[in-house]
Amino acid sequence: MDINILHIDSNHPVLWEQLQQAGFTNHKDFTSSKAEIEAKIHDYQGIVIRSRFKIDRTFLDKATNLQFIARVGAGLESIDCDYALSKNIALIAAPEGNRNAVAEHTLGMILSLFNNLNQADNEVKSGHWNREKNRGHELDGKTVGIIGYGNMGKSFAKKLRGFEVEVLCYDILENVGDENARQVSLEEFQQKVDVLSLHIPWTPETDKMVDADFIKAFAKPFWIINTSRGKNIVTADLVEAMKTGKILGAGLDVLEYEKLSFETLFQDKETPEAFQYLLNSKNVILSPHIAGWTFESHERLAQVIVDKINKLYS
């Protein structure tokens, strides 16, 4: 087997080591520009990426010997998937690798929001002992709604089994509900939900999905958690709904302003007004796109990719 694989992002060592043991030839280039990578991509049968740059038509046209693209992560939005598939290039992702991490982070955000943990922690450390002001809410008795019932959504629903909650899911695919979540129509979903958690990819269908009209369609004020992709929410509309009390709190691991690589935040130097509101809001918890970014998932993601590449050539 003479398969040359180019790694353009760093990953857990298990990925490199096990591919080498399996007989693949590894090469790495973590610093060259997209144009420089394009100039030599014809020499490779496989490429392993995270999110450094977009794998577009220009890139794929130059990748004349490419047999697979492996993304060490859950989503494939940085790849022109249809064009790659038209060239018989296999696409490999690893949503199984960080689904548990995302589920735990989601639950942590909800419990932190409900119990004012971030605010209370800051106040005590500043010398303030405010008990009544930090009276919390209980998750039991609430209806939790999950949009996107794939690897991430199912893992999160499983975490909720220890709580006395009703769990609903909404998905574009039929018959994905299971013993942990009942699949319902969007109309029923929006009538009943107290806590909304997004577990959807970023696609043309989900881009800016949570906007003013979407939010208004919910019957009750609700909390929202987003560990999927930032551009699935219109931040300005989210903030307006928080100002009116329609959204009670938000846990955001991802932001509309992230760049494609997820390694930097702003598209420009100006701090958007809506983001400034989030920064100053006591009922908002923010994290830097780390829901699936645990020490355990770092290794698990790499292992899933190795296993899938090996299977491709078995």
Protein backbone atom coordinates (compact mmCIF):
# COMPACT_ATOMS: atom_id res chain seq x y z
CA MET A 1 0.00 0.00 0.00
CA ASP A 2 1.50 3.30 -1.12
CA ILE A 3 -0.80 5.91 0.39
CA ASN A 4 0.67 9.33 1.18
CA ILE A 5 -1.28 11.36 3.74
CA LEU A 6 -0.77 15.08 4.30
CA HIS A 7 -1.57 16.42 7.79
CA ILE A 8 -2.15 20.19 7.73
CA ASP A 9 -3.16 20.56 11.41
CA SER A 10 -1.71 19.12 14.59
CA ASN A 11 -3.69 16.36 16.30
CA HIS A 12 -3.24 13.76 19.01
CA PRO A 13 -0.07 11.67 18.39
CA VAL A 14 -2.15 8.48 18.23
CA LEU A 15 -3.34 9.55 14.76
CA TRP A 16 0.13 9.79 13.23
CA GLU A 17 1.53 6.76 15.06
CA GLN A 18 -1.28 4.33 14.22
CA LEU A 19 -1.45 5.40 10.56
CA GLN A 20 2.28 4.82 10.31
CA GLN A 21 1.95 1.40 11.94
CA ALA A 22 -0.80 0.54 9.44
CA GLY A 23 1.54 1.21 6.53
CA PHE A 24 0.51 4.71 5.47
CA THR A 25 3.15 7.36 4.76
CA ASN A 26 2.60 10.52 6.81
CA HIS A 27 3.68 14.03 5.86
CA LYS A 28 2.96 17.22 7.78
CA ASP A 29 2.76 20.89 6.85
CA PHE A 30 1.20 23.08 9.52
CA THR A 31 2.46 26.43 8.23
CA SER A 32 2.19 26.72 4.43
CA SER A 33 -0.52 28.85 2.85
CA LYS A 34 -3.50 27.34 1.07
CA ALA A 35 -1.89 28.17 -2.30
CA GLU A 36 1.33 26.42 -1.28
CA ILE A 37 -0.60 23.33 -0.18
CA GLU A 38 -2.56 23.38 -3.45
CA ALA A 39 0.72 23.35 -5.40
CA LYS A 40 1.67 19.96 -3.95
CA ILE A 41 -1.65 18.31 -3.06
CA HIS A 42 -1.50 16.19 -6.25
CA ASP A 43 1.21 14.13 -4.52
CA TYR A 44 -1.18 12.88 -1.85
CA GLN A 45 -3.91 10.27 -1.65
CA GLY A 46 -5.24 11.53 1.68
CA ILE A 47 -5.42 14.75 3.66
CA VAL A 48 -6.14 15.16 7.39
CA ILE A 49 -7.56 18.54 8.41
CA ARG A 50 -9.23 20.37 11.25
CA SER A 51 -10.35 23.82 10.05
CA ARG A 52 -7.28 25.76 8.87
CA PHE A 53 -8.77 26.68 5.49
CA LYS A 54 -11.63 25.81 3.20
CA ILE A 55 -11.32 22.78 0.92
CA ASP A 56 -13.06 24.35 -2.09
CA ARG A 57 -13.37 23.57 -5.80
CA THR A 58 -10.02 25.20 -6.62
CA PHE A 59 -8.30 23.00 -4.07
CA LEU A 60 -10.14 19.85 -5.14
CA ASP A 61 -9.38 20.43 -8.83
CA LYS A 62 -5.68 20.38 -7.97
CA ALA A 63 -6.00 17.31 -5.74
CA THR A 64 -5.95 14.96 -8.70
CA ASN A 65 -4.96 11.84 -6.73
CA LEU A 66 -6.91 12.49 -3.55
CA GLN A 67 -8.90 9.52 -2.28
CA PHE A 68 -10.10 10.85 1.07
CA ILE A 69 -10.42 13.95 3.24
CA ALA A 70 -10.50 13.27 6.98
CA ARG A 71 -11.64 16.04 9.31
CA VAL A 72 -10.72 15.55 12.97
CA GLY A 73 -13.99 16.95 14.25
CA ALA A 74 -17.73 16.60 13.83
CA GLY A 75 -18.71 18.97 11.00
CA LEU A 76 -17.71 19.08 7.33
CA GLU A 77 -18.76 22.65 6.54
CA SER A 78 -15.21 23.66 5.59
CA ILE A 79 -15.35 21.22 2.66
CA ASP A 80 -17.27 21.50 -0.64
CA CYS A 81 -18.75 18.07 0.05
CA ASP A 82 -20.83 17.69 -3.12
CA TYR A 83 -17.89 18.52 -5.38
CA ALA A 84 -15.57 16.21 -3.44
CA LEU A 85 -18.04 13.34 -3.69
CA SER A 86 -18.46 13.99 -7.43
CA LYS A 87 -14.73 13.30 -7.69
CA ASN A 88 -15.13 10.05 -5.72
CA ILE A 89 -13.26 11.47 -2.74
CA ALA A 90 -14.38 9.84 0.51
CA LEU A 91 -15.28 12.22 3.34
CA ILE A 92 -14.48 11.20 6.90
CA ALA A 93 -15.54 12.99 10.10
CA ALA A 94 -15.58 11.98 13.75
CA PRO A 95 -18.76 13.12 15.53
CA GLU A 96 -18.53 9.98 17.67
CA GLY A 97 -15.24 11.27 19.04
CA ASN A 98 -16.48 14.32 20.91
CA ARG A 99 -20.19 13.69 21.42
CA ASN A 100 -19.78 12.86 25.10
CA ALA A 101 -17.68 15.99 25.70
CA VAL A 102 -20.31 18.17 24.00
CA ALA A 103 -23.11 16.56 26.01
CA GLU A 104 -21.36 17.14 29.33
CA HIS A 105 -20.52 20.75 28.43
CA THR A 106 -24.13 21.41 27.44
CA LEU A 107 -25.43 20.06 30.74
CA GLY A 108 -22.80 22.06 32.62
CA MET A 109 -23.90 25.27 30.92
CA ILE A 110 -27.55 24.66 31.79
CA LEU A 111 -26.84 23.95 35.45
CA SER A 112 -24.50 26.94 35.70
CA LEU A 113 -27.14 29.23 34.21
CA PHE A 114 -29.96 27.86 36.37
CA ASN A 115 -27.95 28.25 39.58
CA ASN A 116 -26.16 31.53 38.77
CA LEU A 117 -22.85 29.80 39.41
CA ASN A 118 -20.66 32.16 37.38
CA GLN A 119 -22.26 35.26 38.87
CA ALA A 120 -22.22 33.90 42.44
CA ASP A 121 -18.58 32.85 42.12
CA ASN A 122 -17.55 36.33 40.95
CA GLU A 123 -19.54 38.02 43.71
CA VAL A 124 -18.13 35.91 46.54
CA LYS A 125 -14.60 36.42 45.22
CA SER A 126 -15.33 40.18 45.23
CA GLY A 127 -16.47 40.05 48.84
CA HIS A 128 -20.23 40.00 48.26
CA TRP A 129 -22.47 37.38 49.91
CA ASN A 130 -25.80 37.66 48.05
CA ARG A 131 -28.02 34.67 48.70
CA GLU A 132 -31.46 35.90 47.65
CA LYS A 133 -30.11 37.56 44.52
CA ASN A 134 -28.61 34.21 43.46
CA ARG A 135 -31.65 32.02 44.13
CA GLY A 136 -31.66 29.47 41.32
CA HIS A 137 -33.99 27.31 39.26
CA GLU A 138 -34.27 23.52 39.15
CA LEU A 139 -34.09 21.57 35.92
CA ASP A 140 -36.56 18.94 37.15
CA GLY A 141 -40.06 19.61 35.88
CA LYS A 142 -38.86 21.47 32.79
CA THR A 143 -39.19 20.49 29.14
CA VAL A 144 -35.86 20.30 27.36
CA GLY A 145 -35.91 20.56 23.58
CA ILE A 146 -33.09 19.36 21.36
CA ILE A 147 -32.84 20.52 17.75
CA GLY A 148 -30.65 18.14 15.78
CA TYR A 149 -30.90 14.57 17.03
CA GLY A 150 -27.72 13.00 15.72
CA ASN A 151 -24.58 12.04 17.62
CA MET A 152 -24.48 15.17 19.80
CA GLY A 153 -28.20 15.47 20.45
CA LYS A 154 -28.57 11.82 21.37
CA SER A 155 -25.58 11.98 23.72
CA PHE A 156 -27.02 15.03 25.49
CA ALA A 157 -30.46 13.39 25.84
CA LYS A 158 -28.79 10.39 27.46
CA LYS A 159 -27.19 12.69 30.05
CA LEU A 160 -30.65 13.97 31.00
CA ARG A 161 -31.89 10.55 32.09
CA GLY A 162 -31.03 11.33 35.71
CA PHE A 163 -33.38 14.33 35.73
CA GLU A 164 -37.17 14.39 35.91
CA VAL A 165 -37.58 16.27 32.66
CA GLU A 166 -39.54 15.83 29.46
CA VAL A 167 -37.12 15.65 26.52
CA LEU A 168 -38.35 16.51 23.04
CA CYS A 169 -36.36 16.47 19.82
CA TYR A 170 -36.87 18.04 16.42
CA ASP A 171 -34.92 16.93 13.35
CA ILE A 172 -35.26 17.14 9.56
CA LEU A 173 -34.93 13.35 9.46
CA GLU A 174 -37.90 11.20 10.41
CA ASN A 175 -37.95 8.49 13.08
CA VAL A 176 -34.81 9.54 14.95
CA GLY A 177 -36.45 9.74 18.38
CA ASP A 178 -35.59 7.06 20.92
CA GLU A 179 -36.16 6.10 24.56
CA ASN A 180 -34.40 9.30 25.65
CA ALA A 181 -36.29 11.86 23.54
CA ARG A 182 -39.67 12.01 21.83
CA GLN A 183 -39.57 13.39 18.30
CA VAL A 184 -42.24 16.04 17.66
CA SER A 185 -43.21 18.61 15.05
CA LEU A 186 -41.62 22.05 15.24
CA GLU A 187 -45.01 23.47 16.24
CA GLU A 188 -45.34 21.17 19.27
CA PHE A 189 -41.68 21.71 20.10
CA GLN A 190 -42.12 25.49 20.22
CA GLN A 191 -45.28 25.19 22.32
CA LYS A 192 -43.69 23.16 25.11
CA VAL A 193 -39.97 23.87 25.43
CA ASP A 194 -38.40 25.58 28.46
CA VAL A 195 -34.78 24.90 27.52
CA LEU A 196 -33.58 24.84 23.90
CA SER A 197 -30.30 23.13 22.99
CA LEU A 198 -28.88 23.29 19.46
CA HIS A 199 -26.96 20.29 18.08
CA ILE A 200 -27.09 21.01 14.36
CA PRO A 201 -24.42 21.43 11.67
CA TRP A 202 -23.94 24.72 9.87
CA THR A 203 -25.63 24.36 6.49
CA PRO A 204 -27.62 26.67 4.18
CA GLU A 205 -30.75 25.36 5.96
CA THR A 206 -29.50 26.11 9.47
CA ASP A 207 -27.67 29.38 8.75
CA LYS A 208 -29.30 32.15 10.85
CA MET A 209 -32.06 29.67 11.77
CA VAL A 210 -32.62 31.12 15.23
CA ASP A 211 -33.81 34.60 14.29
CA ALA A 212 -36.52 36.94 15.60
CA ASP A 213 -39.40 35.04 13.94
CA PHE A 214 -38.11 31.68 15.16
CA ILE A 215 -37.80 32.97 18.72
CA LYS A 216 -41.25 34.61 18.70
CA ALA A 217 -42.84 31.29 17.74
CA PHE A 218 -42.01 29.82 21.17
CA ALA A 219 -44.99 29.92 23.51
CA LYS A 220 -42.99 30.36 26.71
CA PRO A 221 -39.89 32.29 27.72
CA PHE A 222 -36.94 29.90 27.44
CA TRP A 223 -33.24 29.37 28.01
CA ILE A 224 -31.02 28.63 25.02
CA ILE A 225 -27.77 26.66 24.75
CA ASN A 226 -25.65 26.59 21.60
CA THR A 227 -22.75 24.16 21.33
CA SER A 228 -23.19 23.66 17.56
CA ARG A 229 -22.16 26.53 15.29
CA GLY A 230 -22.30 30.27 15.98
CA LYS A 231 -23.85 31.26 12.67
CA ASN A 232 -26.95 29.20 13.44
CA ILE A 233 -28.09 32.10 15.68
CA VAL A 234 -28.63 35.76 14.74
CA THR A 235 -26.94 37.30 17.76
CA ALA A 236 -28.71 40.66 17.46
CA ASP A 237 -32.11 38.90 17.51
CA LEU A 238 -31.03 36.78 20.48
CA VAL A 239 -30.07 39.92 22.39
CA GLU A 240 -33.38 41.64 21.59
CA ALA A 241 -35.22 38.59 22.91
CA MET A 242 -33.13 38.69 26.10
CA LYS A 243 -34.01 42.36 26.58
CA THR A 244 -37.73 41.59 26.38
CA GLY A 245 -37.44 38.54 28.64
CA LYS A 246 -38.44 36.04 25.93
CA ILE A 247 -35.03 34.42 26.33
CA LEU A 248 -34.20 33.97 30.01
CA GLY A 249 -30.53 33.14 29.61
CA ALA A 250 -28.00 31.85 27.12
CA GLY A 251 -25.07 29.45 27.22
CA LEU A 252 -22.99 30.01 24.10
CA ASP A 253 -19.93 27.93 23.34
CA VAL A 254 -19.92 29.20 19.76
CA LEU A 255 -20.41 32.69 18.36
CA GLU A 256 -21.57 34.21 15.10
CA TYR A 257 -18.32 36.21 14.97
CA GLU A 258 -15.92 33.25 14.89
CA LYS A 259 -13.70 32.77 11.88
CA LEU A 260 -13.89 29.49 9.95
CA SER A 261 -10.83 28.09 11.70
CA PHE A 262 -12.53 28.62 15.12
CA GLU A 263 -9.11 29.71 16.44
CA THR A 264 -9.92 33.44 16.44
CA LEU A 265 -13.05 35.32 17.31
CA PHE A 266 -13.75 38.48 15.38
CA GLN A 267 -14.07 39.01 11.67
CA ASP A 268 -13.08 42.65 12.27
CA LYS A 269 -11.66 44.81 15.05
CA GLU A 270 -14.97 46.34 16.11
CA THR A 271 -16.81 44.72 19.01
CA PRO A 272 -20.39 44.24 17.74
CA GLU A 273 -23.03 45.91 19.91
CA ALA A 274 -24.90 42.63 20.42
CA PHE A 275 -21.74 40.90 21.61
CA GLN A 276 -21.03 43.75 24.04
CA TYR A 277 -24.46 43.08 25.56
CA LEU A 278 -23.60 39.40 25.98
CA LEU A 279 -20.31 40.32 27.67
CA ASN A 280 -22.13 42.49 30.20
CA SER A 281 -25.09 40.18 30.81
CA LYS A 282 -25.26 38.19 34.05
CA ASN A 283 -27.53 35.55 32.55
CA VAL A 284 -25.09 34.63 29.77
CA ILE A 285 -22.29 32.07 29.93
CA LEU A 286 -19.68 32.10 27.17
CA SER A 287 -16.93 29.62 26.34
CA PRO A 288 -14.44 29.65 23.41
CA HIS A 289 -15.71 26.76 21.25
CA ILE A 290 -14.47 24.13 23.70
CA ALA A 291 -17.55 21.94 24.24
CA GLY A 292 -15.94 19.08 22.35
CA TRP A 293 -12.41 20.04 23.34
CA THR A 294 -11.51 17.76 26.26
CA PHE A 295 -8.33 15.79 26.83
CA GLU A 296 -10.35 12.60 26.36
CA SER A 297 -12.04 13.73 23.14
CA HIS A 298 -8.69 14.89 21.72
CA GLU A 299 -7.52 11.28 21.71
CA ARG A 300 -10.92 9.79 20.88
CA LEU A 301 -11.33 11.98 17.78
CA ALA A 302 -7.95 10.85 16.50
CA GLN A 303 -8.78 7.22 17.15
CA VAL A 304 -12.08 7.44 15.28
CA ILE A 305 -10.32 8.96 12.26
CA VAL A 306 -7.62 6.25 12.28
CA ASP A 307 -10.25 3.51 12.46
CA LYS A 308 -12.26 5.02 9.59
CA ILE A 309 -9.20 5.45 7.35
CA ASN A 310 -8.16 1.86 8.04
CA LYS A 311 -11.69 0.68 7.23
CA LEU A 312 -11.59 2.59 3.94
CA TYR A 313 -8.61 0.49 2.83
CA SER A 314 -9.57 -2.83 4.41
